[in-house]
Amino acid sequence: AGVKDYRLTYYTPDYETKDTDILAAFRVTPQPGVPAEEAGAAVAAESSTGTWTTVWTDGLTNLDRYKGRCYHIEAVIG
């Protein structure tokens, strides 16, 4: 068993926001060797439906509808 690669589910660079979406911005400093996409996707996952383990409720909800998404990453100086 290992840690999930959040980029596979929660990093969606082609996503277009909807009027009903709740938007949030985070400042993230990835650990050395961790791509920004993975760090951003991990924040999206852990802020919504993501967890490091499978739980029985996974089959009861529509993940695509309720999951957080990391769709834009911008480097910030300083």
PDB file of N, CA and C in Angstrom:
ATOM      1  N   ALA A   1       0.840  -1.178   0.000  1.00  0.00           N
ATOM      2  CA  ALA A   1       0.000   0.000   0.000  1.00  0.00           C
ATOM      3  C   ALA A   1       0.883   1.239   0.000  1.00  0.00           C
ATOM      4  N   GLY A   2       0.460   2.232  -0.749  1.00  0.00           N
ATOM      5  CA  GLY A   2       1.227   3.469  -0.819  1.00  0.00           C
ATOM      6  C   GLY A   2       0.314   4.668  -0.798  1.00  0.00           C
ATOM      7  N   VAL A   3       0.914   5.809  -0.953  1.00  0.00           N
ATOM      8  CA  VAL A   3       0.163   7.057  -0.972  1.00  0.00           C
ATOM      9  C   VAL A   3      -0.428   7.261  -2.362  1.00  0.00           C
ATOM     10  N   LYS A   4      -1.659   7.727  -2.425  1.00  0.00           N
ATOM     11  CA  LYS A   4      -2.305   7.981  -3.713  1.00  0.00           C
ATOM     12  C   LYS A   4      -1.605   9.110  -4.455  1.00  0.00           C
ATOM     13  N   ASP A   5      -1.530   9.001  -5.776  1.00  0.00           N
ATOM     14  CA  ASP A   5      -1.043  10.094  -6.623  1.00  0.00           C
ATOM     15  C   ASP A   5      -2.243  10.989  -6.907  1.00  0.00           C
ATOM     16  N   TYR A   6      -2.349  12.080  -6.178  1.00  0.00           N
ATOM     17  CA  TYR A   6      -3.512  12.956  -6.280  1.00  0.00           C
ATOM     18  C   TYR A   6      -3.666  13.578  -7.662  1.00  0.00           C
ATOM     19  N   ARG A   7      -2.559  13.750  -8.389  1.00  0.00           N
ATOM     20  CA  ARG A   7      -2.640  14.370  -9.721  1.00  0.00           C
ATOM     21  C   ARG A   7      -3.588  13.624 -10.648  1.00  0.00           C
ATOM     22  N   LEU A   8      -3.686  12.324 -10.472  1.00  0.00           N
ATOM     23  CA  LEU A   8      -4.509  11.514 -11.368  1.00  0.00           C
ATOM     24  C   LEU A   8      -5.986  11.888 -11.308  1.00  0.00           C
ATOM     25  N   THR A   9      -6.450  12.345 -10.157  1.00  0.00           N
ATOM     26  CA  THR A   9      -7.874  12.634  -9.969  1.00  0.00           C
ATOM     27  C   THR A   9      -8.171  14.107  -9.736  1.00  0.00           C
ATOM     28  N   TYR A  10      -7.279  14.818  -9.061  1.00  0.00           N
ATOM     29  CA  TYR A  10      -7.609  16.167  -8.591  1.00  0.00           C
ATOM     30  C   TYR A  10      -6.901  17.296  -9.339  1.00  0.00           C
ATOM     31  N   TYR A  11      -5.952  16.983 -10.218  1.00  0.00           N
ATOM     32  CA  TYR A  11      -5.317  18.024 -11.032  1.00  0.00           C
ATOM     33  C   TYR A  11      -5.975  18.011 -12.405  1.00  0.00           C
ATOM     34  N   THR A  12      -6.740  19.050 -12.720  1.00  0.00           N
ATOM     35  CA  THR A  12      -7.507  19.113 -13.967  1.00  0.00           C
ATOM     36  C   THR A  12      -7.269  20.457 -14.650  1.00  0.00           C
ATOM     37  N   PRO A  13      -6.123  20.612 -15.322  1.00  0.00           N
ATOM     38  CA  PRO A  13      -5.756  21.918 -15.885  1.00  0.00           C
ATOM     39  C   PRO A  13      -6.705  22.432 -16.962  1.00  0.00           C
ATOM     40  N   ASP A  14      -7.500  21.565 -17.562  1.00  0.00           N
ATOM     41  CA  ASP A  14      -8.437  21.993 -18.608  1.00  0.00           C
ATOM     42  C   ASP A  14      -9.823  22.327 -18.056  1.00  0.00           C
ATOM     43  N   TYR A  15      -9.984  22.261 -16.741  1.00  0.00           N
ATOM     44  CA  TYR A  15     -11.292  22.501 -16.132  1.00  0.00           C
ATOM     45  C   TYR A  15     -11.731  23.947 -16.340  1.00  0.00           C
ATOM     46  N   GLU A  16     -12.993  24.124 -16.697  1.00  0.00           N
ATOM     47  CA  GLU A  16     -13.583  25.458 -16.828  1.00  0.00           C
ATOM     48  C   GLU A  16     -14.576  25.644 -15.690  1.00  0.00           C
ATOM     49  N   THR A  17     -14.406  26.717 -14.936  1.00  0.00           N
ATOM     50  CA  THR A  17     -15.260  26.935 -13.771  1.00  0.00           C
ATOM     51  C   THR A  17     -16.709  27.195 -14.176  1.00  0.00           C
ATOM     52  N   LYS A  18     -17.597  26.852 -13.237  1.00  0.00           N
ATOM     53  CA  LYS A  18     -19.031  27.071 -13.415  1.00  0.00           C
ATOM     54  C   LYS A  18     -19.483  28.137 -12.424  1.00  0.00           C
ATOM     55  N   ASP A  19     -20.619  28.731 -12.683  1.00  0.00           N
ATOM     56  CA  ASP A  19     -21.175  29.743 -11.781  1.00  0.00           C
ATOM     57  C   ASP A  19     -21.467  29.183 -10.391  1.00  0.00           C
ATOM     58  N   THR A  20     -21.684  27.884 -10.303  1.00  0.00           N
ATOM     59  CA  THR A  20     -22.027  27.258  -9.026  1.00  0.00           C
ATOM     60  C   THR A  20     -20.803  26.792  -8.239  1.00  0.00           C
ATOM     61  N   ASP A  21     -19.614  26.896  -8.813  1.00  0.00           N
ATOM     62  CA  ASP A  21     -18.388  26.467  -8.132  1.00  0.00           C
ATOM     63  C   ASP A  21     -18.033  27.418  -6.990  1.00  0.00           C
ATOM     64  N   ILE A  22     -17.446  26.875  -5.966  1.00  0.00           N
ATOM     65  CA  ILE A  22     -16.860  27.669  -4.885  1.00  0.00           C
ATOM     66  C   ILE A  22     -15.365  27.713  -5.154  1.00  0.00           C
ATOM     67  N   LEU A  23     -14.812  28.916  -5.305  1.00  0.00           N
ATOM     68  CA  LEU A  23     -13.401  29.061  -5.648  1.00  0.00           C
ATOM     69  C   LEU A  23     -12.586  29.438  -4.421  1.00  0.00           C
ATOM     70  N   ALA A  24     -11.392  28.886  -4.333  1.00  0.00           N
ATOM     71  CA  ALA A  24     -10.470  29.206  -3.241  1.00  0.00           C
ATOM     72  C   ALA A  24      -9.056  29.227  -3.799  1.00  0.00           C
ATOM     73  N   ALA A  25      -8.227  30.073  -3.230  1.00  0.00           N
ATOM     74  CA  ALA A  25      -6.818  30.148  -3.621  1.00  0.00           C
ATOM     75  C   ALA A  25      -5.967  29.780  -2.415  1.00  0.00           C
ATOM     76  N   PHE A  26      -4.921  29.012  -2.647  1.00  0.00           N
ATOM     77  CA  PHE A  26      -4.017  28.582  -1.592  1.00  0.00           C
ATOM     78  C   PHE A  26      -2.590  28.911  -1.993  1.00  0.00           C
ATOM     79  N   ARG A  27      -1.778  29.252  -1.026  1.00  0.00           N
ATOM     80  CA  ARG A  27      -0.346  29.393  -1.257  1.00  0.00           C
ATOM     81  C   ARG A  27       0.297  28.135  -0.690  1.00  0.00           C
ATOM     82  N   VAL A  28       1.020  27.420  -1.540  1.00  0.00           N
ATOM     83  CA  VAL A  28       1.582  26.126  -1.175  1.00  0.00           C
ATOM     84  C   VAL A  28       3.073  26.124  -1.475  1.00  0.00           C
ATOM     85  N   THR A  29       3.858  25.592  -0.572  1.00  0.00           N
ATOM     86  CA  THR A  29       5.284  25.380  -0.805  1.00  0.00           C
ATOM     87  C   THR A  29       5.527  23.874  -0.776  1.00  0.00           C
ATOM     88  N   PRO A  30       5.688  23.252  -1.945  1.00  0.00           N
ATOM     89  CA  PRO A  30       5.893  21.799  -1.985  1.00  0.00           C
ATOM     90  C   PRO A  30       7.221  21.401  -1.339  1.00  0.00           C
ATOM     91  N   GLN A  31       7.258  20.215  -0.804  1.00  0.00           N
ATOM     92  CA  GLN A  31       8.505  19.647  -0.307  1.00  0.00           C
ATOM     93  C   GLN A  31       9.453  19.445  -1.487  1.00  0.00           C
ATOM     94  N   PRO A  32      10.765  19.450  -1.247  1.00  0.00           N
ATOM     95  CA  PRO A  32      11.714  19.208  -2.342  1.00  0.00           C
ATOM     96  C   PRO A  32      11.386  17.901  -3.066  1.00  0.00           C
ATOM     97  N   GLY A  33      11.373  17.965  -4.385  1.00  0.00           N
ATOM     98  CA  GLY A  33      11.090  16.788  -5.197  1.00  0.00           C
ATOM     99  C   GLY A  33       9.621  16.555  -5.492  1.00  0.00           C
ATOM    100  N   VAL A  34       8.740  17.333  -4.896  1.00  0.00           N
ATOM    101  CA  VAL A  34       7.297  17.183  -5.140  1.00  0.00           C
ATOM    102  C   VAL A  34       6.874  18.230  -6.165  1.00  0.00           C
ATOM    103  N   PRO A  35       6.335  17.799  -7.309  1.00  0.00           N
ATOM    104  CA  PRO A  35       5.889  18.760  -8.325  1.00  0.00           C
ATOM    105  C   PRO A  35       4.752  19.640  -7.805  1.00  0.00           C
ATOM    106  N   ALA A  36       4.695  20.862  -8.286  1.00  0.00           N
ATOM    107  CA  ALA A  36       3.637  21.792  -7.880  1.00  0.00           C
ATOM    108  C   ALA A  36       2.254  21.217  -8.172  1.00  0.00           C
ATOM    109  N   GLU A  37       2.116  20.496  -9.277  1.00  0.00           N
ATOM    110  CA  GLU A  37       0.818  19.899  -9.632  1.00  0.00           C
ATOM    111  C   GLU A  37       0.364  18.895  -8.580  1.00  0.00           C
ATOM    112  N   GLU A  38       1.292  18.100  -8.078  1.00  0.00           N
ATOM    113  CA  GLU A  38       0.948  17.116  -7.049  1.00  0.00           C
ATOM    114  C   GLU A  38       0.591  17.807  -5.736  1.00  0.00           C
ATOM    115  N   ALA A  39       1.343  18.833  -5.369  1.00  0.00           N
ATOM    116  CA  ALA A  39       1.054  19.565  -4.129  1.00  0.00           C
ATOM    117  C   ALA A  39      -0.308  20.250  -4.213  1.00  0.00           C
ATOM    118  N   GLY A  40      -0.594  20.894  -5.338  1.00  0.00           N
ATOM    119  CA  GLY A  40      -1.887  21.549  -5.517  1.00  0.00           C
ATOM    120  C   GLY A  40      -3.032  20.562  -5.517  1.00  0.00           C
ATOM    121  N   ALA A  41      -2.829  19.437  -6.180  1.00  0.00           N
ATOM    122  CA  ALA A  41      -3.857  18.399  -6.217  1.00  0.00           C
ATOM    123  C   ALA A  41      -4.092  17.815  -4.826  1.00  0.00           C
ATOM    124  N   ALA A  42      -3.041  17.683  -4.028  1.00  0.00           N
ATOM    125  CA  ALA A  42      -3.190  17.170  -2.666  1.00  0.00           C
ATOM    126  C   ALA A  42      -4.025  18.121  -1.816  1.00  0.00           C
ATOM    127  N   VAL A  43      -3.824  19.418  -1.983  1.00  0.00           N
ATOM    128  CA  VAL A  43      -4.636  20.402  -1.253  1.00  0.00           C
ATOM    129  C   VAL A  43      -6.095  20.283  -1.677  1.00  0.00           C
ATOM    130  N   ALA A  44      -6.340  20.180  -2.987  1.00  0.00           N
ATOM    131  CA  ALA A  44      -7.713  20.035  -3.484  1.00  0.00           C
ATOM    132  C   ALA A  44      -8.362  18.769  -2.935  1.00  0.00           C
ATOM    133  N   ALA A  45      -7.609  17.682  -2.926  1.00  0.00           N
ATOM    134  CA  ALA A  45      -8.142  16.411  -2.444  1.00  0.00           C
ATOM    135  C   ALA A  45      -8.464  16.466  -0.959  1.00  0.00           C
ATOM    136  N   GLU A  46      -7.494  16.883  -0.172  1.00  0.00           N
ATOM    137  CA  GLU A  46      -7.676  16.869   1.278  1.00  0.00           C
ATOM    138  C   GLU A  46      -8.641  17.948   1.757  1.00  0.00           C
ATOM    139  N   SER A  47      -8.950  18.911   0.893  1.00  0.00           N
ATOM    140  CA  SER A  47      -9.940  19.938   1.228  1.00  0.00           C
ATOM    141  C   SER A  47     -11.346  19.511   0.827  1.00  0.00           C
ATOM    142  N   SER A  48     -11.458  18.343   0.205  1.00  0.00           N
ATOM    143  CA  SER A  48     -12.773  17.909  -0.270  1.00  0.00           C
ATOM    144  C   SER A  48     -12.965  16.421  -0.005  1.00  0.00           C
ATOM    145  N   THR A  49     -12.963  15.616  -1.051  1.00  0.00           N
ATOM    146  CA  THR A  49     -13.326  14.207  -0.931  1.00  0.00           C
ATOM    147  C   THR A  49     -12.145  13.266  -0.794  1.00  0.00           C
ATOM    148  N   GLY A  50     -10.929  13.773  -0.853  1.00  0.00           N
ATOM    149  CA  GLY A  50      -9.751  12.909  -0.842  1.00  0.00           C
ATOM    150  C   GLY A  50      -9.380  12.420   0.543  1.00  0.00           C
ATOM    151  N   THR A  51      -8.857  11.216   0.580  1.00  0.00           N
ATOM    152  CA  THR A  51      -8.317  10.637   1.802  1.00  0.00           C
ATOM    153  C   THR A  51      -7.286   9.606   1.389  1.00  0.00           C
ATOM    154  N   TRP A  52      -6.388   9.274   2.258  1.00  0.00           N
ATOM    155  CA  TRP A  52      -5.318   8.344   1.917  1.00  0.00           C
ATOM    156  C   TRP A  52      -5.781   6.894   1.899  1.00  0.00           C
ATOM    157  N   THR A  53      -7.003   6.635   2.307  1.00  0.00           N
ATOM    158  CA  THR A  53      -7.507   5.275   2.332  1.00  0.00           C
ATOM    159  C   THR A  53      -8.890   5.215   1.684  1.00  0.00           C
ATOM    160  N   THR A  54      -9.295   4.041   1.279  1.00  0.00           N
ATOM    161  CA  THR A  54     -10.627   3.843   0.714  1.00  0.00           C
ATOM    162  C   THR A  54     -11.619   3.658   1.857  1.00  0.00           C
ATOM    163  N   VAL A  55     -12.729   4.356   1.789  1.00  0.00           N
ATOM    164  CA  VAL A  55     -13.763   4.232   2.811  1.00  0.00           C
ATOM    165  C   VAL A  55     -15.057   3.747   2.162  1.00  0.00           C
ATOM    166  N   TRP A  56     -15.909   3.153   2.955  1.00  0.00           N
ATOM    167  CA  TRP A  56     -17.107   2.520   2.407  1.00  0.00           C
ATOM    168  C   TRP A  56     -18.042   3.505   1.729  1.00  0.00           C
ATOM    169  N   THR A  57     -17.984   4.787   2.071  1.00  0.00           N
ATOM    170  CA  THR A  57     -18.883   5.766   1.454  1.00  0.00           C
ATOM    171  C   THR A  57     -18.438   6.180   0.053  1.00  0.00           C
ATOM    172  N   ASP A  58     -17.248   5.749  -0.380  1.00  0.00           N
ATOM    173  CA  ASP A  58     -16.757   6.119  -1.712  1.00  0.00           C
ATOM    174  C   ASP A  58     -17.754   5.767  -2.817  1.00  0.00           C
ATOM    175  N   GLY A  59     -18.446   4.656  -2.663  1.00  0.00           N
ATOM    176  CA  GLY A  59     -19.385   4.225  -3.689  1.00  0.00           C
ATOM    177  C   GLY A  59     -20.743   4.905  -3.612  1.00  0.00           C
ATOM    178  N   LEU A  60     -20.970   5.729  -2.611  1.00  0.00           N
ATOM    179  CA  LEU A  60     -22.279   6.341  -2.413  1.00  0.00           C
ATOM    180  C   LEU A  60     -22.395   7.750  -2.979  1.00  0.00           C
ATOM    181  N   THR A  61     -21.277   8.364  -3.333  1.00  0.00           N
ATOM    182  CA  THR A  61     -21.312   9.744  -3.813  1.00  0.00           C
ATOM    183  C   THR A  61     -20.673   9.854  -5.186  1.00  0.00           C
ATOM    184  N   ASN A  62     -21.022  10.892  -5.898  1.00  0.00           N
ATOM    185  CA  ASN A  62     -20.470  11.165  -7.213  1.00  0.00           C
ATOM    186  C   ASN A  62     -19.200  11.992  -7.031  1.00  0.00           C
ATOM    187  N   LEU A  63     -18.047  11.345  -7.096  1.00  0.00           N
ATOM    188  CA  LEU A  63     -16.767  12.010  -6.858  1.00  0.00           C
ATOM    189  C   LEU A  63     -16.578  13.206  -7.777  1.00  0.00           C
ATOM    190  N   ASP A  64     -16.900  13.066  -9.053  1.00  0.00           N
ATOM    191  CA  ASP A  64     -16.700  14.173  -9.997  1.00  0.00           C
ATOM    192  C   ASP A  64     -17.519  15.405  -9.620  1.00  0.00           C
ATOM    193  N   ARG A  65     -18.647  15.194  -9.002  1.00  0.00           N
ATOM    194  CA  ARG A  65     -19.489  16.335  -8.627  1.00  0.00           C
ATOM    195  C   ARG A  65     -18.962  17.057  -7.388  1.00  0.00           C
ATOM    196  N   TYR A  66     -18.450  16.310  -6.422  1.00  0.00           N
ATOM    197  CA  TYR A  66     -18.109  16.885  -5.124  1.00  0.00           C
ATOM    198  C   TYR A  66     -16.621  17.121  -4.887  1.00  0.00           C
ATOM    199  N   LYS A  67     -15.764  16.574  -5.719  1.00  0.00           N
ATOM    200  CA  LYS A  67     -14.327  16.700  -5.448  1.00  0.00           C
ATOM    201  C   LYS A  67     -13.814  18.115  -5.688  1.00  0.00           C
ATOM    202  N   GLY A  68     -12.769  18.473  -4.956  1.00  0.00           N
ATOM    203  CA  GLY A  68     -12.056  19.712  -5.232  1.00  0.00           C
ATOM    204  C   GLY A  68     -11.183  19.512  -6.461  1.00  0.00           C
ATOM    205  N   ARG A  69     -10.807  20.599  -7.074  1.00  0.00           N
ATOM    206  CA  ARG A  69      -9.970  20.514  -8.272  1.00  0.00           C
ATOM    207  C   ARG A  69      -8.864  21.551  -8.200  1.00  0.00           C
ATOM    208  N   CYS A  70      -7.686  21.149  -8.580  1.00  0.00           N
ATOM    209  CA  CYS A  70      -6.593  22.091  -8.799  1.00  0.00           C
ATOM    210  C   CYS A  70      -6.517  22.258 -10.309  1.00  0.00           C
ATOM    211  N   TYR A  71      -6.842  23.448 -10.798  1.00  0.00           N
ATOM    212  CA  TYR A  71      -6.873  23.653 -12.247  1.00  0.00           C
ATOM    213  C   TYR A  71      -5.962  24.776 -12.713  1.00  0.00           C
ATOM    214  N   HIS A  72      -5.367  25.516 -11.788  1.00  0.00           N
ATOM    215  CA  HIS A  72      -4.461  26.600 -12.178  1.00  0.00           C
ATOM    216  C   HIS A  72      -3.375  26.752 -11.119  1.00  0.00           C
ATOM    217  N   ILE A  73      -2.132  26.757 -11.567  1.00  0.00           N
ATOM    218  CA  ILE A  73      -0.998  26.948 -10.667  1.00  0.00           C
ATOM    219  C   ILE A  73      -0.188  28.124 -11.186  1.00  0.00           C
ATOM    220  N   GLU A  74       0.132  29.011 -10.296  1.00  0.00           N
ATOM    221  CA  GLU A  74       0.882  30.210 -10.668  1.00  0.00           C
ATOM    222  C   GLU A  74       2.004  30.418  -9.658  1.00  0.00           C
ATOM    223  N   ALA A  75       3.227  30.537 -10.153  1.00  0.00           N
ATOM    224  CA  ALA A  75       4.363  30.780  -9.260  1.00  0.00           C
ATOM    225  C   ALA A  75       4.265  32.188  -8.677  1.00  0.00           C
ATOM    226  N   VAL A  76       4.547  32.298  -7.386  1.00  0.00           N
ATOM    227  CA  VAL A  76       4.513  33.584  -6.692  1.00  0.00           C
ATOM    228  C   VAL A  76       5.915  33.849  -6.146  1.00  0.00           C
ATOM    229  N   ILE A  77       6.441  34.991  -6.446  1.00  0.00           N
ATOM    230  CA  ILE A  77       7.774  35.352  -5.973  1.00  0.00           C
ATOM    231  C   ILE A  77       7.697  35.837  -4.525  1.00  0.00           C
ATOM    232  N   GLY A  78       8.609  35.320  -3.694  1.00  0.00           N
ATOM    233  CA  GLY A  78       8.699  35.800  -2.314  1.00  0.00           C
ATOM    234  C   GLY A  78       7.946  35.061  -1.305  1.00  0.00           C
TER     235      GLY A  78
END
